Protein backbone atom coordinates (compact mmCIF):
# COMPACT_ATOMS: atom_id res chain seq x y z
CA UNK A 1 92.99 164.40 12.56
CA UNK A 2 90.82 167.22 13.82
CA UNK A 3 87.05 166.86 14.05
CA UNK A 4 84.73 169.67 15.05
CA UNK A 5 81.48 168.87 16.82
CA UNK A 6 78.87 171.49 17.59
CA UNK A 7 77.39 170.97 21.06
CA UNK A 8 74.66 173.14 22.54
CA UNK A 9 75.92 175.21 25.46
CA UNK A 10 73.29 173.71 27.79
CA UNK A 11 74.49 170.19 26.99
CA UNK A 12 78.12 171.16 27.54
CA UNK A 13 77.16 172.61 30.92
CA UNK A 14 75.15 169.51 31.82
CA UNK A 15 78.12 167.30 30.89
CA UNK A 16 80.24 169.26 33.33
CA UNK A 17 82.75 170.47 30.78
CA UNK A 18 84.60 173.44 32.16
CA UNK A 19 86.42 174.29 28.93
CA UNK A 20 86.21 173.20 25.30
CA UNK A 21 89.49 171.33 25.82
CA UNK A 22 88.01 169.36 28.74
CA UNK A 23 84.92 168.48 26.71
CA UNK A 24 87.12 167.46 23.80
CA UNK A 25 89.06 165.14 26.11
CA UNK A 26 85.82 163.67 27.50
CA UNK A 27 84.62 162.99 23.96
CA UNK A 28 87.91 161.31 23.00
CA UNK A 29 87.83 159.13 26.11
CA UNK A 30 84.22 158.12 25.43
CA UNK A 31 85.02 157.30 21.81
CA UNK A 32 88.05 155.19 22.70
CA UNK A 33 86.23 153.44 25.54
CA UNK A 34 83.32 152.49 23.28
CA UNK A 35 85.70 151.24 20.58
CA UNK A 36 87.42 149.11 23.22
CA UNK A 37 84.09 147.73 24.46
CA UNK A 38 83.19 146.80 20.89
CA UNK A 39 86.58 145.13 20.29
CA UNK A 40 87.49 147.66 17.61
CA UNK A 41 90.53 148.66 19.67
CA UNK A 42 92.70 146.48 21.85
CA UNK A 43 93.83 147.63 25.27
CA UNK A 44 97.33 148.68 24.19
CA UNK A 45 95.98 150.70 21.25
CA UNK A 46 93.29 152.33 23.41
CA UNK A 47 95.80 153.22 26.12
CA UNK A 48 98.14 154.71 23.53
CA UNK A 49 95.35 156.75 21.94
CA UNK A 50 94.67 158.33 25.33
CA UNK A 51 98.33 158.69 26.28
CA UNK A 52 97.90 156.31 29.23
CA UNK A 53 100.39 153.92 30.75
CA UNK A 54 99.21 150.34 31.21
CA UNK A 55 98.55 151.02 34.90
CA UNK A 56 96.60 154.22 34.14
CA UNK A 57 94.58 152.33 31.46
CA UNK A 58 93.66 149.64 34.01
CA UNK A 59 92.52 152.35 36.42
CA UNK A 60 90.52 154.07 33.66
CA UNK A 61 88.69 150.79 32.92
CA UNK A 62 87.99 150.29 36.60
CA UNK A 63 86.75 153.89 36.97
CA UNK A 64 84.32 153.28 34.10
CA UNK A 65 83.28 149.84 35.39
CA UNK A 66 84.61 148.02 32.35
CA UNK A 67 86.03 144.56 32.83
CA UNK A 68 89.01 143.67 30.65
CA UNK A 69 87.65 140.18 30.29
CA UNK A 70 83.96 141.01 29.97
CA UNK A 71 81.80 138.59 28.00
CA UNK A 72 80.05 140.87 25.54
CA UNK A 73 76.92 140.34 23.46
CA UNK A 74 78.99 139.78 20.32
CA UNK A 75 80.91 137.05 22.19
CA UNK A 76 77.63 135.31 22.98
CA UNK A 77 76.40 135.67 19.39
CA UNK A 78 79.63 134.18 18.08
CA UNK A 79 79.40 131.26 20.52
CA UNK A 80 75.76 130.57 19.64
CA UNK A 81 76.63 130.57 15.93
CA UNK A 82 79.49 128.15 16.58
CA UNK A 83 77.25 125.81 18.58
CA UNK A 84 74.59 125.91 15.85
CA UNK A 85 77.19 125.09 13.20
CA UNK A 86 78.63 122.20 15.25
CA UNK A 87 75.15 120.86 15.96
CA UNK A 88 74.25 121.07 12.26
CA UNK A 89 77.42 119.11 11.44
CA UNK A 90 76.30 116.40 13.88
CA UNK A 91 78.83 117.26 16.54
CA UNK A 92 76.30 117.67 19.37
CA UNK A 93 73.02 115.99 20.05
CA UNK A 94 70.18 118.39 20.91
CA UNK A 95 69.62 118.87 24.63
CA UNK A 96 66.71 116.81 26.05
């Protein structure tokens, strides 16, 4: 699939894109990284989308300060909902 995005020249310069191809690659990497952070892509799918080996994917995550096993906001929300449901079912007594 090909998507065209119009970016002001000043923004492209500020982003440090030397060529349209480099900016396109930066955009793809950002899109895939965000999808990974949001659990919309797993690691193997994200690595494949970027043409990375497993080792290169691990380095990419490290370079972008992303932990493979990070506890995200949606993880917390899911856990809170589970605790509320269990408490409502009488599984836990409220904390003192």
